[in-house]
Amino acid sequence: MATGFSLRSHDLVMTVIQEQDRKTIDLETAVVMPDHIHMIFRVIESHTLRKVLQGIEDRSSRQINQAFGRKGRVWLVESFDHIIWYATSWKRK
């Protein structure tokens, strides 16, 4: 995220994430921090991680920009995704 979230931005992002639950992802949990997001989810078959994240970023950027009457990039071009392969890793996360 390029700048910190306001409470309204937080709500917009959480709504976009929750809308994807059972459509493109099986959402376990999501937390919107002041300048980034943590999510744990499984990608539903026929979707890819890249497309899911891109869709969430696109939709939330559009809504945040509309809500605040601005234009431009909302998200940074970096992602620190991590695939959880084992139950021990799942419990730690």
PDB file of N, CA and C in Angstrom:
ATOM      1  N   MET A   1       0.850  -1.181   0.000  1.00  0.00           N
ATOM      2  CA  MET A   1       0.000   0.000   0.000  1.00  0.00           C
ATOM      3  C   MET A   1       0.887   1.232   0.000  1.00  0.00           C
ATOM      4  N   ALA A   2       0.571   2.144  -0.823  1.00  0.00           N
ATOM      5  CA  ALA A   2       1.396   3.336  -0.973  1.00  0.00           C
ATOM      6  C   ALA A   2       1.295   4.271   0.232  1.00  0.00           C
ATOM      7  N   THR A   3       0.138   4.400   0.814  1.00  0.00           N
ATOM      8  CA  THR A   3      -0.052   5.253   1.982  1.00  0.00           C
ATOM      9  C   THR A   3      -0.889   4.501   3.001  1.00  0.00           C
ATOM     10  N   GLY A   4      -0.940   5.009   4.231  1.00  0.00           N
ATOM     11  CA  GLY A   4      -1.701   4.340   5.280  1.00  0.00           C
ATOM     12  C   GLY A   4      -3.203   4.342   5.018  1.00  0.00           C
ATOM     13  N   PHE A   5      -3.884   3.339   5.557  1.00  0.00           N
ATOM     14  CA  PHE A   5      -5.324   3.222   5.402  1.00  0.00           C
ATOM     15  C   PHE A   5      -6.047   4.097   6.409  1.00  0.00           C
ATOM     16  N   SER A   6      -7.120   4.706   5.985  1.00  0.00           N
ATOM     17  CA  SER A   6      -8.047   5.328   6.921  1.00  0.00           C
ATOM     18  C   SER A   6      -9.055   4.242   7.287  1.00  0.00           C
ATOM     19  N   LEU A   7      -9.878   4.522   8.257  1.00  0.00           N
ATOM     20  CA  LEU A   7     -10.896   3.547   8.655  1.00  0.00           C
ATOM     21  C   LEU A   7     -11.826   3.235   7.488  1.00  0.00           C
ATOM     22  N   ARG A   8     -12.184   4.245   6.725  1.00  0.00           N
ATOM     23  CA  ARG A   8     -13.064   4.038   5.568  1.00  0.00           C
ATOM     24  C   ARG A   8     -12.383   3.164   4.514  1.00  0.00           C
ATOM     25  N   SER A   9     -11.088   3.406   4.260  1.00  0.00           N
ATOM     26  CA  SER A   9     -10.333   2.575   3.316  1.00  0.00           C
ATOM     27  C   SER A   9     -10.297   1.137   3.798  1.00  0.00           C
ATOM     28  N   HIS A  10     -10.087   0.961   5.079  1.00  0.00           N
ATOM     29  CA  HIS A  10     -10.062  -0.380   5.677  1.00  0.00           C
ATOM     30  C   HIS A  10     -11.356  -1.116   5.359  1.00  0.00           C
ATOM     31  N   ASP A  11     -12.471  -0.467   5.585  1.00  0.00           N
ATOM     32  CA  ASP A  11     -13.770  -1.089   5.335  1.00  0.00           C
ATOM     33  C   ASP A  11     -13.963  -1.426   3.857  1.00  0.00           C
ATOM     34  N   LEU A  12     -13.540  -0.534   2.975  1.00  0.00           N
ATOM     35  CA  LEU A  12     -13.662  -0.790   1.536  1.00  0.00           C
ATOM     36  C   LEU A  12     -12.834  -2.019   1.132  1.00  0.00           C
ATOM     37  N   VAL A  13     -11.610  -2.093   1.620  1.00  0.00           N
ATOM     38  CA  VAL A  13     -10.739  -3.226   1.281  1.00  0.00           C
ATOM     39  C   VAL A  13     -11.307  -4.524   1.848  1.00  0.00           C
ATOM     40  N   MET A  14     -11.759  -4.511   3.092  1.00  0.00           N
ATOM     41  CA  MET A  14     -12.325  -5.731   3.694  1.00  0.00           C
ATOM     42  C   MET A  14     -13.556  -6.202   2.928  1.00  0.00           C
ATOM     43  N   THR A  15     -14.371  -5.280   2.474  1.00  0.00           N
ATOM     44  CA  THR A  15     -15.560  -5.648   1.699  1.00  0.00           C
ATOM     45  C   THR A  15     -15.161  -6.323   0.393  1.00  0.00           C
ATOM     46  N   VAL A  16     -14.170  -5.774  -0.296  1.00  0.00           N
ATOM     47  CA  VAL A  16     -13.706  -6.375  -1.554  1.00  0.00           C
ATOM     48  C   VAL A  16     -13.171  -7.785  -1.298  1.00  0.00           C
ATOM     49  N   ILE A  17     -12.386  -7.959  -0.241  1.00  0.00           N
ATOM     50  CA  ILE A  17     -11.838  -9.283   0.086  1.00  0.00           C
ATOM     51  C   ILE A  17     -12.973 -10.251   0.393  1.00  0.00           C
ATOM     52  N   GLN A  18     -13.906  -9.842   1.234  1.00  0.00           N
ATOM     53  CA  GLN A  18     -15.008 -10.723   1.631  1.00  0.00           C
ATOM     54  C   GLN A  18     -15.905 -11.075   0.447  1.00  0.00           C
ATOM     55  N   GLU A  19     -16.035 -10.185  -0.528  1.00  0.00           N
ATOM     56  CA  GLU A  19     -16.830 -10.487  -1.724  1.00  0.00           C
ATOM     57  C   GLU A  19     -16.226 -11.630  -2.535  1.00  0.00           C
ATOM     58  N   GLN A  20     -14.923 -11.845  -2.408  1.00  0.00           N
ATOM     59  CA  GLN A  20     -14.254 -12.916  -3.155  1.00  0.00           C
ATOM     60  C   GLN A  20     -14.375 -14.275  -2.479  1.00  0.00           C
ATOM     61  N   ASP A  21     -14.776 -14.262  -1.200  1.00  0.00           N
ATOM     62  CA  ASP A  21     -14.932 -15.519  -0.477  1.00  0.00           C
ATOM     63  C   ASP A  21     -15.975 -16.399  -1.154  1.00  0.00           C
ATOM     64  N   ARG A  22     -15.583 -17.597  -1.471  1.00  0.00           N
ATOM     65  CA  ARG A  22     -16.387 -18.623  -2.150  1.00  0.00           C
ATOM     66  C   ARG A  22     -16.632 -18.338  -3.626  1.00  0.00           C
ATOM     67  N   LYS A  23     -16.026 -17.267  -4.160  1.00  0.00           N
ATOM     68  CA  LYS A  23     -16.067 -17.009  -5.596  1.00  0.00           C
ATOM     69  C   LYS A  23     -14.724 -17.379  -6.214  1.00  0.00           C
ATOM     70  N   THR A  24     -13.662 -16.744  -5.705  1.00  0.00           N
ATOM     71  CA  THR A  24     -12.313 -17.020  -6.212  1.00  0.00           C
ATOM     72  C   THR A  24     -11.406 -17.607  -5.144  1.00  0.00           C
ATOM     73  N   ILE A  25     -11.801 -17.426  -3.865  1.00  0.00           N
ATOM     74  CA  ILE A  25     -10.998 -17.939  -2.752  1.00  0.00           C
ATOM     75  C   ILE A  25     -11.892 -18.518  -1.671  1.00  0.00           C
ATOM     76  N   ASP A  26     -11.299 -19.394  -0.865  1.00  0.00           N
ATOM     77  CA  ASP A  26     -11.907 -19.818   0.400  1.00  0.00           C
ATOM     78  C   ASP A  26     -11.145 -19.063   1.474  1.00  0.00           C
ATOM     79  N   LEU A  27     -11.743 -17.994   1.978  1.00  0.00           N
ATOM     80  CA  LEU A  27     -11.073 -17.096   2.912  1.00  0.00           C
ATOM     81  C   LEU A  27     -11.074 -17.681   4.316  1.00  0.00           C
ATOM     82  N   GLU A  28      -9.902 -17.784   4.893  1.00  0.00           N
ATOM     83  CA  GLU A  28      -9.762 -18.216   6.282  1.00  0.00           C
ATOM     84  C   GLU A  28      -9.772 -16.990   7.199  1.00  0.00           C
ATOM     85  N   THR A  29      -8.942 -16.005   6.883  1.00  0.00           N
ATOM     86  CA  THR A  29      -8.887 -14.785   7.678  1.00  0.00           C
ATOM     87  C   THR A  29      -8.228 -13.677   6.870  1.00  0.00           C
ATOM     88  N   ALA A  30      -8.530 -12.453   7.234  1.00  0.00           N
ATOM     89  CA  ALA A  30      -7.901 -11.282   6.615  1.00  0.00           C
ATOM     90  C   ALA A  30      -7.814 -10.186   7.666  1.00  0.00           C
ATOM     91  N   VAL A  31      -6.682  -9.497   7.656  1.00  0.00           N
ATOM     92  CA  VAL A  31      -6.468  -8.385   8.573  1.00  0.00           C
ATOM     93  C   VAL A  31      -5.893  -7.229   7.762  1.00  0.00           C
ATOM     94  N   VAL A  32      -6.553  -6.098   7.813  1.00  0.00           N
ATOM     95  CA  VAL A  32      -6.057  -4.909   7.129  1.00  0.00           C
ATOM     96  C   VAL A  32      -5.281  -4.084   8.153  1.00  0.00           C
ATOM     97  N   MET A  33      -3.984  -3.946   7.907  1.00  0.00           N
ATOM     98  CA  MET A  33      -3.092  -3.177   8.768  1.00  0.00           C
ATOM     99  C   MET A  33      -3.026  -1.740   8.226  1.00  0.00           C
ATOM    100  N   PRO A  34      -2.364  -0.817   8.927  1.00  0.00           N
ATOM    101  CA  PRO A  34      -2.304   0.569   8.433  1.00  0.00           C
ATOM    102  C   PRO A  34      -1.664   0.725   7.053  1.00  0.00           C
ATOM    103  N   ASP A  35      -0.743  -0.159   6.674  1.00  0.00           N
ATOM    104  CA  ASP A  35      -0.088   0.008   5.374  1.00  0.00           C
ATOM    105  C   ASP A  35       0.066  -1.286   4.584  1.00  0.00           C
ATOM    106  N   HIS A  36      -0.602  -2.349   5.007  1.00  0.00           N
ATOM    107  CA  HIS A  36      -0.565  -3.608   4.266  1.00  0.00           C
ATOM    108  C   HIS A  36      -1.688  -4.521   4.757  1.00  0.00           C
ATOM    109  N   ILE A  37      -1.804  -5.673   4.109  1.00  0.00           N
ATOM    110  CA  ILE A  37      -2.865  -6.628   4.448  1.00  0.00           C
ATOM    111  C   ILE A  37      -2.261  -8.003   4.651  1.00  0.00           C
ATOM    112  N   HIS A  38      -2.814  -8.757   5.600  1.00  0.00           N
ATOM    113  CA  HIS A  38      -2.484 -10.168   5.773  1.00  0.00           C
ATOM    114  C   HIS A  38      -3.751 -10.950   5.454  1.00  0.00           C
ATOM    115  N   MET A  39      -3.617 -11.986   4.622  1.00  0.00           N
ATOM    116  CA  MET A  39      -4.760 -12.852   4.318  1.00  0.00           C
ATOM    117  C   MET A  39      -4.288 -14.297   4.309  1.00  0.00           C
ATOM    118  N   ILE A  40      -5.142 -15.167   4.781  1.00  0.00           N
ATOM    119  CA  ILE A  40      -4.917 -16.600   4.631  1.00  0.00           C
ATOM    120  C   ILE A  40      -6.137 -17.143   3.907  1.00  0.00           C
ATOM    121  N   PHE A  41      -5.893 -17.760   2.756  1.00  0.00           N
ATOM    122  CA  PHE A  41      -6.988 -18.291   1.950  1.00  0.00           C
ATOM    123  C   PHE A  41      -6.482 -19.385   1.030  1.00  0.00           C
ATOM    124  N   ARG A  42      -7.422 -20.145   0.491  1.00  0.00           N
ATOM    125  CA  ARG A  42      -7.130 -21.133  -0.535  1.00  0.00           C
ATOM    126  C   ARG A  42      -7.723 -20.613  -1.834  1.00  0.00           C
ATOM    127  N   VAL A  43      -6.949 -20.700  -2.908  1.00  0.00           N
ATOM    128  CA  VAL A  43      -7.436 -20.278  -4.214  1.00  0.00           C
ATOM    129  C   VAL A  43      -8.353 -21.365  -4.755  1.00  0.00           C
ATOM    130  N   ILE A  44      -9.527 -21.003  -5.204  1.00  0.00           N
ATOM    131  CA  ILE A  44     -10.469 -21.960  -5.774  1.00  0.00           C
ATOM    132  C   ILE A  44      -9.983 -22.340  -7.173  1.00  0.00           C
ATOM    133  N   GLU A  45     -10.113 -23.619  -7.488  1.00  0.00           N
ATOM    134  CA  GLU A  45      -9.669 -24.120  -8.797  1.00  0.00           C
ATOM    135  C   GLU A  45     -10.175 -23.234  -9.925  1.00  0.00           C
ATOM    136  N   SER A  46      -9.415 -23.168 -10.963  1.00  0.00           N
ATOM    137  CA  SER A  46      -9.646 -22.368 -12.163  1.00  0.00           C
ATOM    138  C   SER A  46      -9.248 -20.904 -11.970  1.00  0.00           C
ATOM    139  N   HIS A  47      -8.832 -20.533 -10.777  1.00  0.00           N
ATOM    140  CA  HIS A  47      -8.324 -19.188 -10.511  1.00  0.00           C
ATOM    141  C   HIS A  47      -6.846 -19.316 -10.152  1.00  0.00           C
ATOM    142  N   THR A  48      -6.108 -18.231 -10.293  1.00  0.00           N
ATOM    143  CA  THR A  48      -4.700 -18.235  -9.915  1.00  0.00           C
ATOM    144  C   THR A  48      -4.467 -17.187  -8.835  1.00  0.00           C
ATOM    145  N   LEU A  49      -3.424 -17.388  -8.045  1.00  0.00           N
ATOM    146  CA  LEU A  49      -3.091 -16.428  -7.000  1.00  0.00           C
ATOM    147  C   LEU A  49      -2.891 -15.041  -7.590  1.00  0.00           C
ATOM    148  N   ARG A  50      -2.161 -14.965  -8.671  1.00  0.00           N
ATOM    149  CA  ARG A  50      -1.881 -13.668  -9.320  1.00  0.00           C
ATOM    150  C   ARG A  50      -3.176 -12.955  -9.709  1.00  0.00           C
ATOM    151  N   LYS A  51      -4.113 -13.675 -10.324  1.00  0.00           N
ATOM    152  CA  LYS A  51      -5.385 -13.073 -10.756  1.00  0.00           C
ATOM    153  C   LYS A  51      -6.243 -12.658  -9.560  1.00  0.00           C
ATOM    154  N   VAL A  52      -6.249 -13.492  -8.520  1.00  0.00           N
ATOM    155  CA  VAL A  52      -7.037 -13.164  -7.328  1.00  0.00           C
ATOM    156  C   VAL A  52      -6.523 -11.874  -6.699  1.00  0.00           C
ATOM    157  N   LEU A  53      -5.217 -11.798  -6.481  1.00  0.00           N
ATOM    158  CA  LEU A  53      -4.636 -10.609  -5.863  1.00  0.00           C
ATOM    159  C   LEU A  53      -4.810  -9.375  -6.751  1.00  0.00           C
ATOM    160  N   GLN A  54      -4.631  -9.557  -8.041  1.00  0.00           N
ATOM    161  CA  GLN A  54      -4.808  -8.450  -8.975  1.00  0.00           C
ATOM    162  C   GLN A  54      -6.250  -7.938  -8.930  1.00  0.00           C
ATOM    163  N   GLY A  55      -7.213  -8.849  -8.874  1.00  0.00           N
ATOM    164  CA  GLY A  55      -8.616  -8.453  -8.805  1.00  0.00           C
ATOM    165  C   GLY A  55      -8.940  -7.686  -7.534  1.00  0.00           C
ATOM    166  N   ILE A  56      -8.419  -8.151  -6.397  1.00  0.00           N
ATOM    167  CA  ILE A  56      -8.642  -7.462  -5.122  1.00  0.00           C
ATOM    168  C   ILE A  56      -8.005  -6.078  -5.159  1.00  0.00           C
ATOM    169  N   GLU A  57      -6.772  -6.000  -5.662  1.00  0.00           N
ATOM    170  CA  GLU A  57      -6.089  -4.707  -5.751  1.00  0.00           C
ATOM    171  C   GLU A  57      -6.833  -3.750  -6.690  1.00  0.00           C
ATOM    172  N   ASP A  58      -7.235  -4.235  -7.858  1.00  0.00           N
ATOM    173  CA  ASP A  58      -7.937  -3.383  -8.828  1.00  0.00           C
ATOM    174  C   ASP A  58      -9.243  -2.839  -8.262  1.00  0.00           C
ATOM    175  N   ARG A  59     -10.061  -3.735  -7.708  1.00  0.00           N
ATOM    176  CA  ARG A  59     -11.370  -3.323  -7.189  1.00  0.00           C
ATOM    177  C   ARG A  59     -11.228  -2.370  -5.998  1.00  0.00           C
ATOM    178  N   SER A  60     -10.319  -2.708  -5.074  1.00  0.00           N
ATOM    179  CA  SER A  60     -10.175  -1.847  -3.895  1.00  0.00           C
ATOM    180  C   SER A  60      -9.563  -0.497  -4.272  1.00  0.00           C
ATOM    181  N   SER A  61      -8.616  -0.466  -5.208  1.00  0.00           N
ATOM    182  CA  SER A  61      -8.029   0.804  -5.665  1.00  0.00           C
ATOM    183  C   SER A  61      -9.097   1.708  -6.260  1.00  0.00           C
ATOM    184  N   ARG A  62      -9.914   1.131  -7.116  1.00  0.00           N
ATOM    185  CA  ARG A  62     -10.978   1.906  -7.769  1.00  0.00           C
ATOM    186  C   ARG A  62     -11.926   2.497  -6.719  1.00  0.00           C
ATOM    187  N   GLN A  63     -12.317   1.685  -5.741  1.00  0.00           N
ATOM    188  CA  GLN A  63     -13.256   2.155  -4.721  1.00  0.00           C
ATOM    189  C   GLN A  63     -12.637   3.202  -3.803  1.00  0.00           C
ATOM    190  N   ILE A  64     -11.376   3.007  -3.427  1.00  0.00           N
ATOM    191  CA  ILE A  64     -10.695   3.982  -2.569  1.00  0.00           C
ATOM    192  C   ILE A  64     -10.543   5.303  -3.307  1.00  0.00           C
ATOM    193  N   ASN A  65     -10.114   5.251  -4.554  1.00  0.00           N
ATOM    194  CA  ASN A  65      -9.956   6.486  -5.332  1.00  0.00           C
ATOM    195  C   ASN A  65     -11.284   7.206  -5.520  1.00  0.00           C
ATOM    196  N   GLN A  66     -12.355   6.456  -5.788  1.00  0.00           N
ATOM    197  CA  GLN A  66     -13.675   7.078  -5.934  1.00  0.00           C
ATOM    198  C   GLN A  66     -14.133   7.706  -4.626  1.00  0.00           C
ATOM    199  N   ALA A  67     -13.926   6.988  -3.525  1.00  0.00           N
ATOM    200  CA  ALA A  67     -14.389   7.473  -2.220  1.00  0.00           C
ATOM    201  C   ALA A  67     -13.685   8.756  -1.801  1.00  0.00           C
ATOM    202  N   PHE A  68     -12.427   8.905  -2.191  1.00  0.00           N
ATOM    203  CA  PHE A  68     -11.652  10.069  -1.764  1.00  0.00           C
ATOM    204  C   PHE A  68     -11.420  11.080  -2.875  1.00  0.00           C
ATOM    205  N   GLY A  69     -12.076  10.856  -4.027  1.00  0.00           N
ATOM    206  CA  GLY A  69     -11.981  11.797  -5.125  1.00  0.00           C
ATOM    207  C   GLY A  69     -10.569  12.005  -5.637  1.00  0.00           C
ATOM    208  N   ARG A  70      -9.831  10.921  -5.747  1.00  0.00           N
ATOM    209  CA  ARG A  70      -8.462  11.036  -6.234  1.00  0.00           C
ATOM    210  C   ARG A  70      -8.179  10.023  -7.316  1.00  0.00           C
ATOM    211  N   LYS A  71      -7.012  10.098  -7.898  1.00  0.00           N
ATOM    212  CA  LYS A  71      -6.589   9.165  -8.934  1.00  0.00           C
ATOM    213  C   LYS A  71      -5.207   8.641  -8.583  1.00  0.00           C
ATOM    214  N   GLY A  72      -4.828   7.583  -9.265  1.00  0.00           N
ATOM    215  CA  GLY A  72      -3.460   7.100  -9.094  1.00  0.00           C
ATOM    216  C   GLY A  72      -3.351   5.791  -8.352  1.00  0.00           C
ATOM    217  N   ARG A  73      -2.124   5.397  -8.182  1.00  0.00           N
ATOM    218  CA  ARG A  73      -1.800   4.105  -7.579  1.00  0.00           C
ATOM    219  C   ARG A  73      -2.121   4.103  -6.089  1.00  0.00           C
ATOM    220  N   VAL A  74      -2.725   3.016  -5.637  1.00  0.00           N
ATOM    221  CA  VAL A  74      -3.001   2.816  -4.218  1.00  0.00           C
ATOM    222  C   VAL A  74      -2.019   1.793  -3.651  1.00  0.00           C
ATOM    223  N   TRP A  75      -1.803   0.727  -4.401  1.00  0.00           N
ATOM    224  CA  TRP A  75      -0.956  -0.384  -3.946  1.00  0.00           C
ATOM    225  C   TRP A  75       0.456  -0.269  -4.506  1.00  0.00           C
ATOM    226  N   LEU A  76       1.428  -0.668  -3.704  1.00  0.00           N
ATOM    227  CA  LEU A  76       2.800  -0.788  -4.183  1.00  0.00           C
ATOM    228  C   LEU A  76       2.889  -2.013  -5.078  1.00  0.00           C
ATOM    229  N   VAL A  77       3.929  -2.092  -5.887  1.00  0.00           N
ATOM    230  CA  VAL A  77       4.062  -3.186  -6.845  1.00  0.00           C
ATOM    231  C   VAL A  77       4.801  -4.371  -6.221  1.00  0.00           C
ATOM    232  N   GLU A  78       4.653  -4.605  -4.962  1.00  0.00           N
ATOM    233  CA  GLU A  78       5.327  -5.725  -4.320  1.00  0.00           C
ATOM    234  C   GLU A  78       4.323  -6.590  -3.584  1.00  0.00           C
ATOM    235  N   SER A  79       4.665  -7.827  -3.435  1.00  0.00           N
ATOM    236  CA  SER A  79       3.813  -8.770  -2.734  1.00  0.00           C
ATOM    237  C   SER A  79       4.716  -9.792  -2.044  1.00  0.00           C
ATOM    238  N   PHE A  80       4.380 -10.127  -0.846  1.00  0.00           N
ATOM    239  CA  PHE A  80       5.158 -11.105  -0.101  1.00  0.00           C
ATOM    240  C   PHE A  80       4.298 -12.324   0.194  1.00  0.00           C
ATOM    241  N   ASP A  81       3.782 -12.936  -0.883  1.00  0.00           N
ATOM    242  CA  ASP A  81       2.927 -14.090  -0.682  1.00  0.00           C
ATOM    243  C   ASP A  81       3.765 -15.299  -0.280  1.00  0.00           C
ATOM    244  N   HIS A  82       3.121 -16.175   0.465  1.00  0.00           N
ATOM    245  CA  HIS A  82       3.761 -17.368   0.999  1.00  0.00           C
ATOM    246  C   HIS A  82       2.773 -18.520   0.892  1.00  0.00           C
ATOM    247  N   ILE A  83       3.194 -19.600   0.305  1.00  0.00           N
ATOM    248  CA  ILE A  83       2.335 -20.778   0.192  1.00  0.00           C
ATOM    249  C   ILE A  83       2.552 -21.660   1.415  1.00  0.00           C
ATOM    250  N   ILE A  84       1.457 -22.021   2.053  1.00  0.00           N
ATOM    251  CA  ILE A  84       1.529 -22.888   3.238  1.00  0.00           C
ATOM    252  C   ILE A  84       1.341 -24.326   2.780  1.00  0.00           C
ATOM    253  N   TRP A  85       2.380 -25.114   2.939  1.00  0.00           N
ATOM    254  CA  TRP A  85       2.350 -26.499   2.472  1.00  0.00           C
ATOM    255  C   TRP A  85       2.011 -27.502   3.571  1.00  0.00           C
ATOM    256  N   TYR A  86       2.342 -27.214   4.822  1.00  0.00           N
ATOM    257  CA  TYR A  86       2.241 -28.195   5.889  1.00  0.00           C
ATOM    258  C   TYR A  86       1.386 -27.692   7.044  1.00  0.00           C
ATOM    259  N   ALA A  87       0.787 -28.622   7.777  1.00  0.00           N
ATOM    260  CA  ALA A  87      -0.084 -28.279   8.899  1.00  0.00           C
ATOM    261  C   ALA A  87       0.676 -27.486   9.976  1.00  0.00           C
ATOM    262  N   THR A  88       1.938 -27.803  10.182  1.00  0.00           N
ATOM    263  CA  THR A  88       2.702 -27.057  11.193  1.00  0.00           C
ATOM    264  C   THR A  88       2.862 -25.591  10.789  1.00  0.00           C
ATOM    265  N   SER A  89       3.059 -25.362   9.520  1.00  0.00           N
ATOM    266  CA  SER A  89       3.168 -24.003   9.007  1.00  0.00           C
ATOM    267  C   SER A  89       1.826 -23.282   9.142  1.00  0.00           C
ATOM    268  N   TRP A  90       0.753 -23.994   8.859  1.00  0.00           N
ATOM    269  CA  TRP A  90      -0.606 -23.450   8.960  1.00  0.00           C
ATOM    270  C   TRP A  90      -0.862 -22.969  10.392  1.00  0.00           C
ATOM    271  N   LYS A  91      -0.510 -23.790  11.368  1.00  0.00           N
ATOM    272  CA  LYS A  91      -0.734 -23.428  12.779  1.00  0.00           C
ATOM    273  C   LYS A  91       0.082 -22.204  13.171  1.00  0.00           C
ATOM    274  N   ARG A  92       1.307 -22.122  12.672  1.00  0.00           N
ATOM    275  CA  ARG A  92       2.169 -20.975  12.972  1.00  0.00           C
ATOM    276  C   ARG A  92       1.606 -19.683  12.410  1.00  0.00           C
ATOM    277  N   LYS A  93       1.088 -19.756  11.188  1.00  0.00           N
ATOM    278  CA  LYS A  93       0.551 -18.546  10.547  1.00  0.00           C
ATOM    279  C   LYS A  93      -0.737 -18.129  11.214  1.00  0.00           C
TER     280      LYS A  93
END
